[in-house]
Amino acid sequence: MAIYPKCRLIQISMICSSLVGTFPWQFMFQDNKTFKNMYALFSKLMLGYFTLVVFTEQLELLILFTDADVMTNAIFTNLSVTFLYTITLAKQLIMMLNSSFRVIIKQIIETENCNSPIEDDEVIKIELKIVRRSDKIVKYYGSLLVVLSMLYLVKPMLMTPIIVSIGNTTTVMRYLPISSWLPFDKQEHYPYAYIWQVLNVLQGATYVTSTDILMFNLIVFPAVQLRKLQHLLKNFAHYKEKVKTLYNIADDEQVAK
């Protein structure tokens, strides 16, 4: 049973994005309708969870803007993550609702799997070279996002808590990985708040990474086709004779068709 369609160019992005449901469910489990429907449900649940994360961050940002005592750096701390997550959510909604995005993925898969007379060893070598280069860039980018996510999670443990004294009451304000609204006192229930935000950071970072990797691979596809076309035009006479021999055609106009 094939989980993913056969496609070298978007193989890594398919695997990464499917882990959080960002890869379109229409291309998953082509031979098993039950698993396809289960993945579609998983994809919608993960999108709903990510939407909730973005909403809590935007709500916290609104609260910070309306609080006169809040320092500017607290607002920018929230903005740095909220803006990135909001843009990613917008990309996902476009990818889910716009059928042309799925048409592009289908075209990439069909183009790679079609049996063309010009797909000789030299052409395949050109494609594999670009695929290996894009895979290397994707791995570097993914590794960078993993390191940044870990820094966000470790940062609160390394920072000194702020001690706030109001009258006879002293409160210890401990830091959290990200700035988001929670329906309870974050300092009073700090362990729960920290665990919830760890889950949010991991899910959000994976969502951002998988979305960017998939879109990067879609941009690489035209580059692969242009390099193939360049090779074809440089060796046009060779491929014309190859098509003539393969299909037993003598007329140049028939070869062009």
C-alpha atoms as a PDB file:
ATOM      1  CA  MET A   1       0.000   0.000   0.000  1.00  0.00           C
ATOM      2  CA  ALA A   2       1.478   3.303  -1.143  1.00  0.00           C
ATOM      3  CA  ILE A   3       1.169   6.146   1.366  1.00  0.00           C
ATOM      4  CA  TYR A   4       2.579   8.874  -0.876  1.00  0.00           C
ATOM      5  CA  PRO A   5       2.566   9.318  -4.654  1.00  0.00           C
ATOM      6  CA  LYS A   6       5.890   8.613  -6.340  1.00  0.00           C
ATOM      7  CA  CYS A   7       7.706  11.920  -6.812  1.00  0.00           C
ATOM      8  CA  ARG A   8      11.381  12.586  -6.053  1.00  0.00           C
ATOM      9  CA  LEU A   9      11.107  16.380  -6.140  1.00  0.00           C
ATOM     10  CA  ILE A  10       8.568  16.746  -3.326  1.00  0.00           C
ATOM     11  CA  GLN A  11       9.321  13.528  -1.412  1.00  0.00           C
ATOM     12  CA  ILE A  12      10.799  15.201   1.693  1.00  0.00           C
ATOM     13  CA  SER A  13       8.106  17.895   1.768  1.00  0.00           C
ATOM     14  CA  MET A  14       5.379  15.241   1.421  1.00  0.00           C
ATOM     15  CA  ILE A  15       6.724  13.296   4.410  1.00  0.00           C
ATOM     16  CA  CYS A  16       7.304  16.380   6.599  1.00  0.00           C
ATOM     17  CA  SER A  17       4.010  18.064   5.809  1.00  0.00           C
ATOM     18  CA  SER A  18       1.949  14.895   6.233  1.00  0.00           C
ATOM     19  CA  LEU A  19       3.159  14.583   9.847  1.00  0.00           C
ATOM     20  CA  VAL A  20       1.078  17.647  10.761  1.00  0.00           C
ATOM     21  CA  GLY A  21      -1.560  17.277   8.063  1.00  0.00           C
ATOM     22  CA  THR A  22      -0.470  20.152   5.827  1.00  0.00           C
ATOM     23  CA  PHE A  23      -0.036  18.003   2.708  1.00  0.00           C
ATOM     24  CA  PRO A  24      -3.316  17.837   0.702  1.00  0.00           C
ATOM     25  CA  TRP A  25      -5.245  14.717   1.702  1.00  0.00           C
ATOM     26  CA  GLN A  26      -6.389  14.151  -1.912  1.00  0.00           C
ATOM     27  CA  PHE A  27      -2.937  12.716  -2.762  1.00  0.00           C
ATOM     28  CA  MET A  28      -2.561  10.456   0.280  1.00  0.00           C
ATOM     29  CA  PHE A  29      -3.380   6.715   0.453  1.00  0.00           C
ATOM     30  CA  GLN A  30      -4.599   6.425  -3.132  1.00  0.00           C
ATOM     31  CA  ASP A  31      -5.314   2.703  -2.681  1.00  0.00           C
ATOM     32  CA  ASN A  32      -7.072   2.906   0.687  1.00  0.00           C
ATOM     33  CA  LYS A  33     -10.145   5.110   1.049  1.00  0.00           C
ATOM     34  CA  THR A  34     -10.445   4.487   4.809  1.00  0.00           C
ATOM     35  CA  PHE A  35      -6.911   5.717   5.542  1.00  0.00           C
ATOM     36  CA  LYS A  36      -7.437   8.641   3.148  1.00  0.00           C
ATOM     37  CA  ASN A  37     -10.530   9.747   5.089  1.00  0.00           C
ATOM     38  CA  MET A  38      -8.693   9.304   8.407  1.00  0.00           C
ATOM     39  CA  TYR A  39      -5.821  11.472   7.166  1.00  0.00           C
ATOM     40  CA  ALA A  40      -8.307  14.099   5.899  1.00  0.00           C
ATOM     41  CA  LEU A  41      -9.875  14.236   9.385  1.00  0.00           C
ATOM     42  CA  PHE A  42      -6.405  14.452  10.992  1.00  0.00           C
ATOM     43  CA  SER A  43      -5.496  17.296   8.619  1.00  0.00           C
ATOM     44  CA  LYS A  44      -8.611  19.283   9.560  1.00  0.00           C
ATOM     45  CA  LEU A  45      -8.057  18.703  13.291  1.00  0.00           C
ATOM     46  CA  MET A  46      -4.462  19.930  13.069  1.00  0.00           C
ATOM     47  CA  LEU A  47      -5.577  22.996  11.117  1.00  0.00           C
ATOM     48  CA  GLY A  48      -8.197  23.674  13.794  1.00  0.00           C
ATOM     49  CA  TYR A  49      -5.585  23.341  16.548  1.00  0.00           C
ATOM     50  CA  PHE A  50      -3.188  25.686  14.743  1.00  0.00           C
ATOM     51  CA  THR A  51      -6.030  28.177  14.206  1.00  0.00           C
ATOM     52  CA  LEU A  52      -6.697  28.078  17.971  1.00  0.00           C
ATOM     53  CA  VAL A  53      -3.000  28.757  18.672  1.00  0.00           C
ATOM     54  CA  VAL A  54      -3.008  31.755  16.329  1.00  0.00           C
ATOM     55  CA  PHE A  55      -6.240  33.064  17.862  1.00  0.00           C
ATOM     56  CA  THR A  56      -4.840  32.944  21.424  1.00  0.00           C
ATOM     57  CA  GLU A  57      -1.710  34.802  20.306  1.00  0.00           C
ATOM     58  CA  GLN A  58      -3.730  37.469  18.504  1.00  0.00           C
ATOM     59  CA  LEU A  59      -6.007  37.847  21.542  1.00  0.00           C
ATOM     60  CA  GLU A  60      -2.967  38.291  23.800  1.00  0.00           C
ATOM     61  CA  LEU A  61      -1.606  40.891  21.386  1.00  0.00           C
ATOM     62  CA  LEU A  62      -4.899  42.793  21.591  1.00  0.00           C
ATOM     63  CA  ILE A  63      -4.739  42.690  25.395  1.00  0.00           C
ATOM     64  CA  LEU A  64      -1.158  44.001  25.341  1.00  0.00           C
ATOM     65  CA  PHE A  65      -2.134  46.886  23.051  1.00  0.00           C
ATOM     66  CA  THR A  66      -4.957  47.937  25.347  1.00  0.00           C
ATOM     67  CA  ASP A  67      -2.865  47.744  28.523  1.00  0.00           C
ATOM     68  CA  ALA A  68      -1.188  51.100  29.189  1.00  0.00           C
ATOM     69  CA  ASP A  69       1.337  49.594  31.630  1.00  0.00           C
ATOM     70  CA  VAL A  70       2.746  47.060  29.166  1.00  0.00           C
ATOM     71  CA  MET A  71       6.251  47.745  27.843  1.00  0.00           C
ATOM     72  CA  THR A  72       6.930  47.950  24.104  1.00  0.00           C
ATOM     73  CA  ASN A  73       9.271  44.937  24.105  1.00  0.00           C
ATOM     74  CA  ALA A  74       6.385  42.713  25.317  1.00  0.00           C
ATOM     75  CA  ILE A  75       4.348  43.737  22.271  1.00  0.00           C
ATOM     76  CA  PHE A  76       7.222  43.076  19.855  1.00  0.00           C
ATOM     77  CA  THR A  77       7.886  39.706  21.512  1.00  0.00           C
ATOM     78  CA  ASN A  78       4.327  38.710  20.728  1.00  0.00           C
ATOM     79  CA  LEU A  79       4.388  40.203  17.235  1.00  0.00           C
ATOM     80  CA  SER A  80       7.499  38.269  16.162  1.00  0.00           C
ATOM     81  CA  VAL A  81       5.675  34.946  16.495  1.00  0.00           C
ATOM     82  CA  THR A  82       2.066  36.008  15.894  1.00  0.00           C
ATOM     83  CA  PHE A  83       2.875  37.586  12.516  1.00  0.00           C
ATOM     84  CA  LEU A  84       4.718  34.459  11.318  1.00  0.00           C
ATOM     85  CA  TYR A  85       1.953  32.101  12.491  1.00  0.00           C
ATOM     86  CA  THR A  86      -0.783  34.280  10.966  1.00  0.00           C
ATOM     87  CA  ILE A  87       0.945  34.317   7.567  1.00  0.00           C
ATOM     88  CA  THR A  88       1.364  30.530   7.729  1.00  0.00           C
ATOM     89  CA  LEU A  89      -2.317  30.070   8.584  1.00  0.00           C
ATOM     90  CA  ALA A  90      -3.273  32.252   5.599  1.00  0.00           C
ATOM     91  CA  LYS A  91      -1.058  30.111   3.331  1.00  0.00           C
ATOM     92  CA  GLN A  92      -2.685  26.927   4.613  1.00  0.00           C
ATOM     93  CA  LEU A  93      -6.204  28.254   4.055  1.00  0.00           C
ATOM     94  CA  ILE A  94      -5.276  29.251   0.496  1.00  0.00           C
ATOM     95  CA  MET A  95      -3.718  25.835  -0.127  1.00  0.00           C
ATOM     96  CA  MET A  96      -6.809  24.091   1.230  1.00  0.00           C
ATOM     97  CA  LEU A  97      -9.478  26.206  -0.488  1.00  0.00           C
ATOM     98  CA  ASN A  98      -7.756  26.944  -3.808  1.00  0.00           C
ATOM     99  CA  SER A  99      -7.982  24.001  -6.221  1.00  0.00           C
ATOM    100  CA  SER A 100      -5.229  25.436  -8.462  1.00  0.00           C
ATOM    101  CA  PHE A 101      -2.697  24.606  -5.755  1.00  0.00           C
ATOM    102  CA  ARG A 102      -3.639  20.915  -5.963  1.00  0.00           C
ATOM    103  CA  VAL A 103      -3.507  21.122  -9.759  1.00  0.00           C
ATOM    104  CA  ILE A 104       0.137  22.233  -9.509  1.00  0.00           C
ATOM    105  CA  ILE A 105       1.017  19.301  -7.241  1.00  0.00           C
ATOM    106  CA  LYS A 106      -0.780  16.893  -9.582  1.00  0.00           C
ATOM    107  CA  GLN A 107       1.128  18.318 -12.539  1.00  0.00           C
ATOM    108  CA  ILE A 108       4.464  17.859 -10.747  1.00  0.00           C
ATOM    109  CA  ILE A 109       3.665  14.222  -9.943  1.00  0.00           C
ATOM    110  CA  GLU A 110       2.401  13.428 -13.455  1.00  0.00           C
ATOM    111  CA  THR A 111       5.338  15.179 -15.128  1.00  0.00           C
ATOM    112  CA  GLU A 112       7.864  13.147 -13.162  1.00  0.00           C
ATOM    113  CA  ASN A 113       6.074   9.847 -13.800  1.00  0.00           C
ATOM    114  CA  CYS A 114       5.349  10.328 -17.518  1.00  0.00           C
ATOM    115  CA  ASN A 115       7.305   8.204 -20.026  1.00  0.00           C
ATOM    116  CA  SER A 116       8.853  10.722 -22.395  1.00  0.00           C
ATOM    117  CA  PRO A 117      11.322   9.773 -25.169  1.00  0.00           C
ATOM    118  CA  ILE A 118      13.640  12.603 -24.099  1.00  0.00           C
ATOM    119  CA  GLU A 119      13.921  11.305 -20.516  1.00  0.00           C
ATOM    120  CA  ASP A 120      17.309   9.666 -21.023  1.00  0.00           C
ATOM    121  CA  ASP A 121      20.105   9.247 -18.468  1.00  0.00           C
ATOM    122  CA  GLU A 122      21.450  12.749 -19.104  1.00  0.00           C
ATOM    123  CA  VAL A 123      18.076  14.417 -18.480  1.00  0.00           C
ATOM    124  CA  ILE A 124      17.473  12.323 -15.349  1.00  0.00           C
ATOM    125  CA  LYS A 125      20.939  13.292 -14.108  1.00  0.00           C
ATOM    126  CA  ILE A 126      20.063  16.992 -14.491  1.00  0.00           C
ATOM    127  CA  GLU A 127      16.854  16.489 -12.501  1.00  0.00           C
ATOM    128  CA  LEU A 128      18.525  14.478  -9.738  1.00  0.00           C
ATOM    129  CA  LYS A 129      21.243  17.111  -9.342  1.00  0.00           C
ATOM    130  CA  ILE A 130      18.676  19.852  -8.709  1.00  0.00           C
ATOM    131  CA  VAL A 131      16.585  17.578  -6.459  1.00  0.00           C
ATOM    132  CA  ARG A 132      19.622  16.737  -4.310  1.00  0.00           C
ATOM    133  CA  ARG A 133      20.494  20.432  -4.017  1.00  0.00           C
ATOM    134  CA  SER A 134      16.944  21.398  -3.017  1.00  0.00           C
ATOM    135  CA  ASP A 135      16.819  18.493  -0.515  1.00  0.00           C
ATOM    136  CA  LYS A 136      20.010  19.787   1.085  1.00  0.00           C
ATOM    137  CA  ILE A 137      18.548  23.308   1.407  1.00  0.00           C
ATOM    138  CA  VAL A 138      15.345  21.868   2.887  1.00  0.00           C
ATOM    139  CA  LYS A 139      17.299  19.863   5.479  1.00  0.00           C
ATOM    140  CA  TYR A 140      19.350  22.925   6.493  1.00  0.00           C
ATOM    141  CA  TYR A 141      16.192  25.000   6.838  1.00  0.00           C
ATOM    142  CA  GLY A 142      14.455  22.297   8.875  1.00  0.00           C
ATOM    143  CA  SER A 143      17.486  21.957  11.168  1.00  0.00           C
ATOM    144  CA  LEU A 144      17.554  25.731  11.696  1.00  0.00           C
ATOM    145  CA  LEU A 145      13.870  25.772  12.688  1.00  0.00           C
ATOM    146  CA  VAL A 146      14.457  22.882  15.122  1.00  0.00           C
ATOM    147  CA  VAL A 147      17.294  24.796  16.812  1.00  0.00           C
ATOM    148  CA  LEU A 148      15.217  27.990  17.024  1.00  0.00           C
ATOM    149  CA  SER A 149      12.273  26.066  18.511  1.00  0.00           C
ATOM    150  CA  MET A 150      14.503  24.494  21.154  1.00  0.00           C
ATOM    151  CA  LEU A 151      15.872  27.930  22.046  1.00  0.00           C
ATOM    152  CA  TYR A 152      12.336  29.228  22.531  1.00  0.00           C
ATOM    153  CA  LEU A 153      11.585  26.308  24.869  1.00  0.00           C
ATOM    154  CA  VAL A 154      14.813  26.586  26.888  1.00  0.00           C
ATOM    155  CA  LYS A 155      14.878  30.399  27.130  1.00  0.00           C
ATOM    156  CA  PRO A 156      12.367  30.675  30.052  1.00  0.00           C
ATOM    157  CA  MET A 157      14.520  28.341  32.164  1.00  0.00           C
ATOM    158  CA  LEU A 158      17.622  30.491  31.642  1.00  0.00           C
ATOM    159  CA  MET A 159      16.019  33.869  32.334  1.00  0.00           C
ATOM    160  CA  THR A 160      15.800  35.305  35.829  1.00  0.00           C
ATOM    161  CA  PRO A 161      12.198  35.682  37.038  1.00  0.00           C
ATOM    162  CA  ILE A 162      10.919  39.202  37.713  1.00  0.00           C
ATOM    163  CA  ILE A 163       9.895  39.931  41.310  1.00  0.00           C
ATOM    164  CA  VAL A 164       6.982  42.366  41.515  1.00  0.00           C
ATOM    165  CA  SER A 165       5.977  43.911  44.861  1.00  0.00           C
ATOM    166  CA  ILE A 166       2.530  45.455  45.223  1.00  0.00           C
ATOM    167  CA  GLY A 167       1.894  46.620  48.782  1.00  0.00           C
ATOM    168  CA  ASN A 168       2.515  43.661  51.083  1.00  0.00           C
ATOM    169  CA  THR A 169       2.226  41.151  48.252  1.00  0.00           C
ATOM    170  CA  THR A 170       5.270  39.874  46.342  1.00  0.00           C
ATOM    171  CA  THR A 171       4.748  38.030  43.062  1.00  0.00           C
ATOM    172  CA  VAL A 172       7.336  36.119  41.051  1.00  0.00           C
ATOM    173  CA  MET A 173       6.761  36.583  37.302  1.00  0.00           C
ATOM    174  CA  ARG A 174       8.292  33.696  35.394  1.00  0.00           C
ATOM    175  CA  TYR A 175       8.803  33.749  31.641  1.00  0.00           C
ATOM    176  CA  LEU A 176       7.020  31.519  29.107  1.00  0.00           C
ATOM    177  CA  PRO A 177       8.203  30.380  25.648  1.00  0.00           C
ATOM    178  CA  ILE A 178       5.713  32.520  23.700  1.00  0.00           C
ATOM    179  CA  SER A 179       3.176  35.248  24.368  1.00  0.00           C
ATOM    180  CA  SER A 180      -0.366  33.869  24.167  1.00  0.00           C
ATOM    181  CA  TRP A 181      -3.649  34.174  26.034  1.00  0.00           C
ATOM    182  CA  LEU A 182      -4.749  31.401  28.402  1.00  0.00           C
ATOM    183  CA  PRO A 183      -8.080  31.109  30.246  1.00  0.00           C
ATOM    184  CA  PHE A 184      -6.345  30.917  33.640  1.00  0.00           C
ATOM    185  CA  ASP A 185      -3.621  32.686  35.610  1.00  0.00           C
ATOM    186  CA  LYS A 186      -0.364  31.733  33.900  1.00  0.00           C
ATOM    187  CA  GLN A 187       1.812  32.432  36.933  1.00  0.00           C
ATOM    188  CA  GLU A 188      -0.403  30.599  39.407  1.00  0.00           C
ATOM    189  CA  HIS A 189      -0.599  27.540  37.148  1.00  0.00           C
ATOM    190  CA  TYR A 190       2.826  27.926  35.559  1.00  0.00           C
ATOM    191  CA  PRO A 191       3.585  24.200  34.877  1.00  0.00           C
ATOM    192  CA  TYR A 192       0.332  23.788  32.930  1.00  0.00           C
ATOM    193  CA  ALA A 193       0.902  27.020  31.032  1.00  0.00           C
ATOM    194  CA  TYR A 194       4.460  25.981  30.145  1.00  0.00           C
ATOM    195  CA  ILE A 195       3.424  22.502  28.927  1.00  0.00           C
ATOM    196  CA  TRP A 196       0.605  23.977  26.830  1.00  0.00           C
ATOM    197  CA  GLN A 197       2.957  26.479  25.234  1.00  0.00           C
ATOM    198  CA  VAL A 198       5.572  23.784  24.553  1.00  0.00           C
ATOM    199  CA  LEU A 199       2.926  21.920  22.549  1.00  0.00           C
ATOM    200  CA  ASN A 200       2.013  25.143  20.753  1.00  0.00           C
ATOM    201  CA  VAL A 201       5.632  25.905  19.865  1.00  0.00           C
ATOM    202  CA  LEU A 202       6.298  22.384  18.561  1.00  0.00           C
ATOM    203  CA  GLN A 203       3.106  22.268  16.518  1.00  0.00           C
ATOM    204  CA  GLY A 204       3.505  25.819  15.246  1.00  0.00           C
ATOM    205  CA  ALA A 205       7.158  25.379  14.265  1.00  0.00           C
ATOM    206  CA  THR A 206       6.385  22.123  12.443  1.00  0.00           C
ATOM    207  CA  TYR A 207       3.459  23.786  10.680  1.00  0.00           C
ATOM    208  CA  VAL A 208       5.591  26.715   9.541  1.00  0.00           C
ATOM    209  CA  THR A 209       8.467  24.472   8.434  1.00  0.00           C
ATOM    210  CA  SER A 210       6.351  21.983   6.487  1.00  0.00           C
ATOM    211  CA  THR A 211       4.410  24.761   4.743  1.00  0.00           C
ATOM    212  CA  ASP A 212       7.564  26.619   3.686  1.00  0.00           C
ATOM    213  CA  ILE A 213       9.302  23.437   2.526  1.00  0.00           C
ATOM    214  CA  LEU A 214       6.337  22.419   0.366  1.00  0.00           C
ATOM    215  CA  MET A 215       6.081  25.863  -1.227  1.00  0.00           C
ATOM    216  CA  PHE A 216       9.841  25.915  -1.826  1.00  0.00           C
ATOM    217  CA  ASN A 217       9.618  22.603  -3.714  1.00  0.00           C
ATOM    218  CA  LEU A 218       6.815  24.009  -5.862  1.00  0.00           C
ATOM    219  CA  ILE A 219       9.122  26.887  -6.818  1.00  0.00           C
ATOM    220  CA  VAL A 220      11.966  24.469  -7.654  1.00  0.00           C
ATOM    221  CA  PHE A 221       9.769  22.528 -10.128  1.00  0.00           C
ATOM    222  CA  PRO A 222       9.853  25.222 -12.886  1.00  0.00           C
ATOM    223  CA  ALA A 223      13.634  25.469 -12.415  1.00  0.00           C
ATOM    224  CA  VAL A 224      13.952  21.730 -13.096  1.00  0.00           C
ATOM    225  CA  GLN A 225      11.818  21.989 -16.234  1.00  0.00           C
ATOM    226  CA  LEU A 226      13.774  24.997 -17.529  1.00  0.00           C
ATOM    227  CA  ARG A 227      17.087  23.181 -17.067  1.00  0.00           C
ATOM    228  CA  LYS A 228      15.687  20.198 -18.974  1.00  0.00           C
ATOM    229  CA  LEU A 229      14.492  22.506 -21.746  1.00  0.00           C
ATOM    230  CA  GLN A 230      17.905  24.164 -21.919  1.00  0.00           C
ATOM    231  CA  HIS A 231      19.550  20.756 -22.320  1.00  0.00           C
ATOM    232  CA  LEU A 232      16.997  19.759 -24.971  1.00  0.00           C
ATOM    233  CA  LEU A 233      17.547  22.904 -27.045  1.00  0.00           C
ATOM    234  CA  LYS A 234      21.332  22.531 -26.872  1.00  0.00           C
ATOM    235  CA  ASN A 235      21.043  18.962 -28.149  1.00  0.00           C
ATOM    236  CA  PHE A 236      17.973  19.421 -30.338  1.00  0.00           C
ATOM    237  CA  ALA A 237      19.317  17.521 -33.344  1.00  0.00           C
ATOM    238  CA  HIS A 238      20.171  14.501 -31.193  1.00  0.00           C
ATOM    239  CA  TYR A 239      16.695  14.274 -29.633  1.00  0.00           C
ATOM    240  CA  LYS A 240      14.983  14.854 -32.981  1.00  0.00           C
ATOM    241  CA  GLU A 241      16.789  11.839 -34.448  1.00  0.00           C
ATOM    242  CA  LYS A 242      15.990   9.849 -31.303  1.00  0.00           C
ATOM    243  CA  VAL A 243      12.263  10.499 -31.698  1.00  0.00           C
ATOM    244  CA  LYS A 244      12.451   9.650 -35.407  1.00  0.00           C
ATOM    245  CA  THR A 245      14.081   6.313 -34.630  1.00  0.00           C
ATOM    246  CA  LEU A 246      11.806   5.492 -31.703  1.00  0.00           C
ATOM    247  CA  TYR A 247       8.546   6.144 -33.565  1.00  0.00           C
ATOM    248  CA  ASN A 248       9.854   5.261 -37.072  1.00  0.00           C
ATOM    249  CA  ILE A 249       9.003   8.718 -38.462  1.00  0.00           C
ATOM    250  CA  ALA A 250      10.862  10.417 -41.284  1.00  0.00           C
ATOM    251  CA  ASP A 251       8.947  13.686 -41.632  1.00  0.00           C
ATOM    252  CA  ASP A 252      10.094  16.573 -39.388  1.00  0.00           C
ATOM    253  CA  GLU A 253       6.551  17.945 -38.981  1.00  0.00           C
ATOM    254  CA  GLN A 254       5.310  14.602 -37.691  1.00  0.00           C
ATOM    255  CA  VAL A 255       8.246  14.517 -35.253  1.00  0.00           C
ATOM    256  CA  ALA A 256       7.248  17.946 -33.941  1.00  0.00           C
ATOM    257  CA  LYS A 257       3.689  16.738 -33.304  1.00  0.00           C
END
